[in-house]
Amino acid sequence: MLEWDLVLDGPPMTGWTAVVHPVVRRDDLDGAQFVLKVGWPHVESAQEHLALRAWDGHGAVRLVAADPSRGALLLERLDSSRDLQRVDIDEACAAVGSLYRDLHIPAPPTIRTLPAYLDPYLTKLRQRTDVPRRVVTRVTGLARDLLAEPGPRVLLHTDLHFENVLAADRDPWLAIDPKPLAGPAGYELHPLLRNRFDEMGTGSAMRWSVRRRLEVTCEAAGLDEEVGRLWCIVRCGIEILWAAVDGDDAELSKNLTLFKALED
């Protein structure tokens, strides 16, 4: 904090992988407000600063300064009390889709690629005996086919769910907490199904809700809905793998249910 001439400006907020401190610059007459995000080592967020720097405030929180060796990011302060968690679901999905249009720029060459990220998980999935074989076969084959398709590789957020979008003064909504990868834009959509899950209901209601979320988001983003659905199946398969590895029966059941809804 001394290096960036910061003083605390409120109580900290604790997340899954970081602590966020509201701060201001010492003797700053402009009254600009920031947050100091200090994360612990986490492979999925190790390149967060690179993504934020590439976006330069377009669609995402603005990066002011970074010390990646210490896991420290100085960011503009957004309204942490206002996210998309309780916004009408169609409006929330449309807001996220609109953000994709700003975020999906050509990926910097230093950003980890989607195949490099997925390959170890697909290998582990093939080795599991406690995951239904139909899931393993479908997910691994689909991932192979989707990764082989030509098309632009853009800068992906990969975790743009309803709580990772905050209100701002300069834009209605901005993205936070990217776990960046370089890959096809259709890979993004799955977090919108994983979150606010219970609102989707069960059976035919869930199938309708899944398709509706994909439809609204893809229309706002200009994405191919069918390609997005197929990528959601792949990502759901990876979630099934994680649940099996963790021995989390509730998460396993939840993701198998979503997998079925995506396939029906």
Protein backbone atom coordinates (compact mmCIF):
# COMPACT_ATOMS: atom_id res chain seq x y z
CA MET A 1 0.00 0.00 0.00
CA LEU A 2 2.87 2.34 0.68
CA GLU A 3 4.21 1.90 -2.88
CA TRP A 4 0.89 3.05 -4.34
CA ASP A 5 0.36 5.68 -1.61
CA LEU A 6 -2.91 4.14 -0.43
CA VAL A 7 -4.93 4.37 2.76
CA LEU A 8 -7.83 2.16 3.81
CA ASP A 9 -11.32 3.51 3.19
CA GLY A 10 -13.60 0.90 4.72
CA PRO A 11 -13.82 -2.73 5.86
CA PRO A 12 -12.44 -5.47 3.60
CA MET A 13 -14.56 -7.84 1.53
CA THR A 14 -13.53 -11.49 1.34
CA GLY A 15 -14.15 -13.68 -1.70
CA TRP A 16 -13.22 -17.21 -2.69
CA THR A 17 -9.72 -16.37 -3.90
CA ALA A 18 -8.97 -12.83 -2.71
CA VAL A 19 -9.47 -10.10 -0.14
CA VAL A 20 -10.63 -6.72 -1.47
CA HIS A 21 -9.84 -3.54 0.48
CA PRO A 22 -11.57 -0.22 -0.30
CA VAL A 23 -8.80 2.38 -0.57
CA VAL A 24 -8.06 5.96 -1.62
CA ARG A 25 -4.80 7.63 -2.49
CA ARG A 26 -3.24 9.61 0.32
CA ASP A 27 -3.75 13.36 -0.12
CA ASP A 28 -5.71 12.82 -3.37
CA LEU A 29 -7.74 15.99 -3.89
CA ASP A 30 -9.86 14.39 -6.64
CA GLY A 31 -11.47 11.95 -4.20
CA ALA A 32 -11.04 9.00 -6.57
CA GLN A 33 -12.02 5.69 -4.98
CA PHE A 34 -10.31 2.36 -5.64
CA VAL A 35 -10.12 -1.18 -4.34
CA LEU A 36 -6.96 -3.13 -3.61
CA LYS A 37 -7.49 -6.77 -4.51
CA VAL A 38 -5.00 -9.18 -2.96
CA GLY A 39 -5.36 -12.77 -4.09
CA TRP A 40 -3.70 -15.98 -3.07
CA PRO A 41 -2.02 -18.12 -5.75
CA HIS A 42 -4.67 -19.54 -8.08
CA VAL A 43 -3.93 -20.79 -11.58
CA GLU A 44 -7.25 -19.68 -13.07
CA SER A 45 -6.81 -16.05 -12.03
CA ALA A 46 -3.03 -15.79 -12.52
CA GLN A 47 -3.49 -13.82 -15.74
CA GLU A 48 -6.32 -11.60 -14.52
CA HIS A 49 -4.16 -8.49 -14.77
CA LEU A 50 -3.33 -9.25 -18.42
CA ALA A 51 -7.00 -9.50 -19.36
CA LEU A 52 -7.94 -6.33 -17.50
CA ARG A 53 -5.07 -4.47 -19.11
CA ALA A 54 -6.17 -5.65 -22.57
CA TRP A 55 -9.78 -4.59 -21.98
CA ASP A 56 -8.67 -1.19 -20.62
CA GLY A 57 -12.00 -0.57 -18.92
CA HIS A 58 -14.17 -1.57 -21.89
CA GLY A 59 -16.81 -3.91 -20.48
CA ALA A 60 -14.76 -4.62 -17.36
CA VAL A 61 -13.47 -2.94 -14.23
CA ARG A 62 -10.50 -0.70 -15.03
CA LEU A 63 -7.03 -1.80 -13.88
CA VAL A 64 -5.10 1.09 -12.32
CA ALA A 65 -1.92 -0.75 -11.28
CA ALA A 66 -0.75 -4.33 -10.83
CA ASP A 67 1.92 -6.23 -8.92
CA PRO A 68 1.28 -9.81 -10.10
CA SER A 69 4.25 -11.19 -8.16
CA ARG A 70 2.35 -10.29 -4.98
CA GLY A 71 -1.10 -11.03 -6.35
CA ALA A 72 -2.06 -7.36 -5.92
CA LEU A 73 -4.33 -5.38 -8.24
CA LEU A 74 -5.41 -1.77 -7.82
CA LEU A 75 -8.81 -1.37 -9.48
CA GLU A 76 -11.43 1.31 -9.91
CA ARG A 77 -14.16 0.98 -7.30
CA LEU A 78 -17.55 -0.24 -8.50
CA ASP A 79 -20.82 -0.57 -6.57
CA SER A 80 -20.38 -3.92 -4.82
CA SER A 81 -23.94 -3.70 -3.43
CA ARG A 82 -25.47 -3.97 -6.93
CA ASP A 83 -24.97 -7.02 -9.12
CA LEU A 84 -27.23 -9.06 -11.41
CA GLN A 85 -28.19 -11.68 -8.85
CA ARG A 86 -31.67 -10.25 -8.23
CA VAL A 87 -32.27 -8.54 -11.57
CA ASP A 88 -34.99 -10.00 -13.81
CA ILE A 89 -33.36 -13.02 -15.45
CA ASP A 90 -33.97 -11.93 -19.04
CA GLU A 91 -32.55 -8.49 -18.28
CA ALA A 92 -29.57 -10.03 -16.49
CA CYS A 93 -28.78 -12.39 -19.38
CA ALA A 94 -29.09 -9.56 -21.89
CA ALA A 95 -26.71 -7.43 -19.81
CA VAL A 96 -24.11 -10.21 -19.80
CA GLY A 97 -24.56 -10.75 -23.52
CA SER A 98 -23.94 -7.06 -24.14
CA LEU A 99 -20.74 -7.23 -22.09
CA TYR A 100 -19.48 -10.11 -24.25
CA ARG A 101 -19.48 -7.71 -27.21
CA ASP A 102 -16.93 -5.50 -25.45
CA LEU A 103 -14.91 -8.29 -23.85
CA HIS A 104 -14.43 -10.59 -26.84
CA ILE A 105 -11.46 -8.84 -28.39
CA PRO A 106 -8.53 -10.66 -30.02
CA ALA A 107 -6.72 -12.52 -27.26
CA PRO A 108 -3.21 -11.32 -26.37
CA PRO A 109 -0.62 -13.98 -27.29
CA THR A 110 0.40 -14.48 -23.66
CA ILE A 111 -3.07 -15.61 -22.55
CA ARG A 112 -3.41 -19.33 -21.81
CA THR A 113 -5.32 -21.16 -24.53
CA LEU A 114 -8.52 -23.10 -24.02
CA PRO A 115 -7.04 -26.40 -25.30
CA ALA A 116 -4.14 -26.11 -22.84
CA TYR A 117 -6.66 -25.59 -20.04
CA LEU A 118 -9.12 -28.31 -21.07
CA ASP A 119 -6.79 -31.14 -22.08
CA PRO A 120 -5.78 -32.22 -18.54
CA TYR A 121 -9.42 -32.30 -17.43
CA LEU A 122 -10.51 -34.29 -20.46
CA THR A 123 -7.74 -36.79 -19.76
CA LYS A 124 -8.89 -37.13 -16.14
CA LEU A 125 -12.50 -37.49 -17.26
CA ARG A 126 -11.60 -40.42 -19.52
CA GLN A 127 -9.97 -42.12 -16.54
CA ARG A 128 -12.94 -41.86 -14.18
CA THR A 129 -14.98 -44.97 -13.53
CA ASP A 130 -17.54 -43.18 -11.36
CA VAL A 131 -18.81 -40.89 -14.15
CA PRO A 132 -21.42 -42.34 -16.54
CA ARG A 133 -19.72 -43.50 -19.73
CA ARG A 134 -22.29 -41.71 -21.88
CA VAL A 135 -21.19 -38.45 -20.25
CA VAL A 136 -17.49 -39.20 -20.75
CA THR A 137 -17.97 -40.19 -24.39
CA ARG A 138 -20.21 -37.24 -25.20
CA VAL A 139 -18.08 -34.59 -23.50
CA THR A 140 -14.68 -35.73 -24.76
CA GLY A 141 -15.92 -36.23 -28.32
CA LEU A 142 -17.74 -32.91 -28.37
CA ALA A 143 -14.74 -31.04 -26.98
CA ARG A 144 -12.52 -32.56 -29.66
CA ASP A 145 -14.91 -31.52 -32.42
CA LEU A 146 -15.51 -28.00 -31.11
CA LEU A 147 -11.82 -27.29 -30.59
CA ALA A 148 -11.11 -28.41 -34.15
CA GLU A 149 -13.55 -25.91 -35.66
CA PRO A 150 -11.96 -22.87 -37.33
CA GLY A 151 -12.78 -19.42 -36.08
CA PRO A 152 -11.43 -16.49 -34.10
CA ARG A 153 -9.90 -17.08 -30.68
CA VAL A 154 -10.97 -14.21 -28.46
CA LEU A 155 -10.19 -13.11 -24.93
CA LEU A 156 -12.62 -15.02 -22.70
CA HIS A 157 -13.72 -14.05 -19.20
CA THR A 158 -14.89 -17.68 -18.51
CA ASP A 159 -16.61 -16.90 -15.18
CA LEU A 160 -19.08 -14.15 -16.07
CA HIS A 161 -21.98 -15.12 -13.83
CA PHE A 162 -24.53 -12.80 -12.24
CA GLU A 163 -22.43 -11.89 -9.19
CA ASN A 164 -19.39 -11.07 -11.30
CA VAL A 165 -21.15 -8.10 -12.89
CA LEU A 166 -21.33 -4.90 -10.83
CA ALA A 167 -22.99 -1.54 -11.37
CA ALA A 168 -20.79 1.43 -12.24
CA ASP A 169 -21.09 5.17 -12.76
CA ARG A 170 -19.50 5.24 -16.22
CA ASP A 171 -21.45 2.23 -17.55
CA PRO A 172 -24.58 0.45 -16.31
CA TRP A 173 -22.67 -2.80 -15.70
CA LEU A 174 -19.05 -3.94 -15.75
CA ALA A 175 -17.43 -7.37 -15.40
CA ILE A 176 -15.09 -8.30 -12.56
CA ASP A 177 -12.94 -11.30 -11.58
CA PRO A 178 -12.01 -12.80 -14.97
CA LYS A 179 -10.31 -16.17 -15.23
CA PRO A 180 -9.06 -15.50 -18.73
CA LEU A 181 -8.46 -17.92 -21.56
CA ALA A 182 -8.06 -17.57 -25.31
CA GLY A 183 -10.70 -19.48 -27.22
CA PRO A 184 -14.02 -19.44 -29.10
CA ALA A 185 -16.67 -17.06 -27.80
CA GLY A 186 -19.29 -19.79 -27.38
CA TYR A 187 -17.33 -21.18 -24.43
CA GLU A 188 -18.50 -18.32 -22.21
CA LEU A 189 -22.15 -19.19 -21.56
CA HIS A 190 -22.12 -21.97 -18.97
CA PRO A 191 -21.80 -19.78 -15.82
CA LEU A 192 -25.24 -18.31 -16.62
CA LEU A 193 -26.73 -21.79 -16.18
CA ARG A 194 -24.64 -22.79 -13.19
CA ASN A 195 -25.77 -19.75 -11.19
CA ARG A 196 -29.32 -18.90 -10.09
CA PHE A 197 -29.79 -22.61 -10.70
CA ASP A 198 -32.83 -23.21 -8.51
CA GLU A 199 -34.78 -20.55 -10.40
CA MET A 200 -34.79 -22.81 -13.47
CA GLY A 201 -37.08 -25.35 -11.81
CA THR A 202 -37.12 -29.02 -12.77
CA GLY A 203 -38.12 -31.21 -15.70
CA SER A 204 -39.67 -29.36 -18.64
CA ALA A 205 -39.45 -26.04 -16.77
CA MET A 206 -35.68 -26.43 -16.48
CA ARG A 207 -35.34 -27.33 -20.14
CA TRP A 208 -37.30 -24.21 -21.09
CA SER A 209 -35.28 -22.01 -18.71
CA VAL A 210 -31.97 -23.31 -20.05
CA ARG A 211 -32.95 -22.57 -23.64
CA ARG A 212 -34.38 -19.19 -22.69
CA ARG A 213 -31.20 -18.05 -20.95
CA LEU A 214 -29.11 -19.16 -23.92
CA GLU A 215 -31.48 -17.52 -26.39
CA VAL A 216 -31.55 -14.12 -24.65
CA THR A 217 -27.80 -14.04 -24.01
CA CYS A 218 -26.80 -15.13 -27.50
CA GLU A 219 -29.16 -12.65 -29.12
CA ALA A 220 -27.64 -9.79 -27.10
CA ALA A 221 -24.10 -11.00 -27.79
CA GLY A 222 -24.49 -11.96 -31.44
CA LEU A 223 -23.42 -15.55 -30.71
CA ASP A 224 -24.53 -18.84 -32.25
CA GLU A 225 -26.95 -20.35 -29.72
CA GLU A 226 -26.40 -23.95 -30.80
CA VAL A 227 -22.63 -23.68 -30.54
CA GLY A 228 -23.07 -22.11 -27.11
CA ARG A 229 -25.31 -24.99 -26.02
CA LEU A 230 -22.71 -27.55 -27.10
CA TRP A 231 -19.96 -25.75 -25.19
CA CYS A 232 -22.24 -25.72 -22.13
CA ILE A 233 -22.43 -29.51 -22.38
CA VAL A 234 -18.63 -29.71 -22.39
CA ARG A 235 -18.30 -27.39 -19.41
CA CYS A 236 -21.03 -29.24 -17.56
CA GLY A 237 -19.02 -32.42 -18.09
CA ILE A 238 -15.99 -30.79 -16.46
CA GLU A 239 -18.17 -29.77 -13.50
CA ILE A 240 -19.31 -33.39 -13.23
CA LEU A 241 -15.66 -34.43 -13.12
CA TRP A 242 -14.89 -31.96 -10.31
CA ALA A 243 -17.90 -33.14 -8.31
CA ALA A 244 -16.81 -36.76 -8.71
CA VAL A 245 -13.24 -35.98 -7.65
CA ASP A 246 -14.51 -34.08 -4.59
CA GLY A 247 -17.03 -36.77 -3.71
CA ASP A 248 -19.75 -34.09 -3.71
CA ASP A 249 -22.94 -36.02 -4.41
CA ALA A 250 -25.15 -32.92 -4.38
CA GLU A 251 -23.04 -31.14 -7.01
CA LEU A 252 -22.80 -34.34 -9.03
CA SER A 253 -26.58 -34.70 -9.08
CA LYS A 254 -27.06 -31.01 -9.93
CA ASN A 255 -24.69 -31.14 -12.88
CA LEU A 256 -26.03 -34.43 -14.21
CA THR A 257 -29.49 -32.83 -14.15
CA LEU A 258 -28.22 -29.81 -16.07
CA PHE A 259 -26.39 -32.09 -18.49
CA LYS A 260 -29.63 -33.90 -19.27
CA ALA A 261 -31.54 -30.62 -19.70
CA LEU A 262 -28.93 -29.40 -22.17
CA GLU A 263 -29.17 -32.62 -24.18
CA ASP A 264 -32.97 -32.90 -24.27
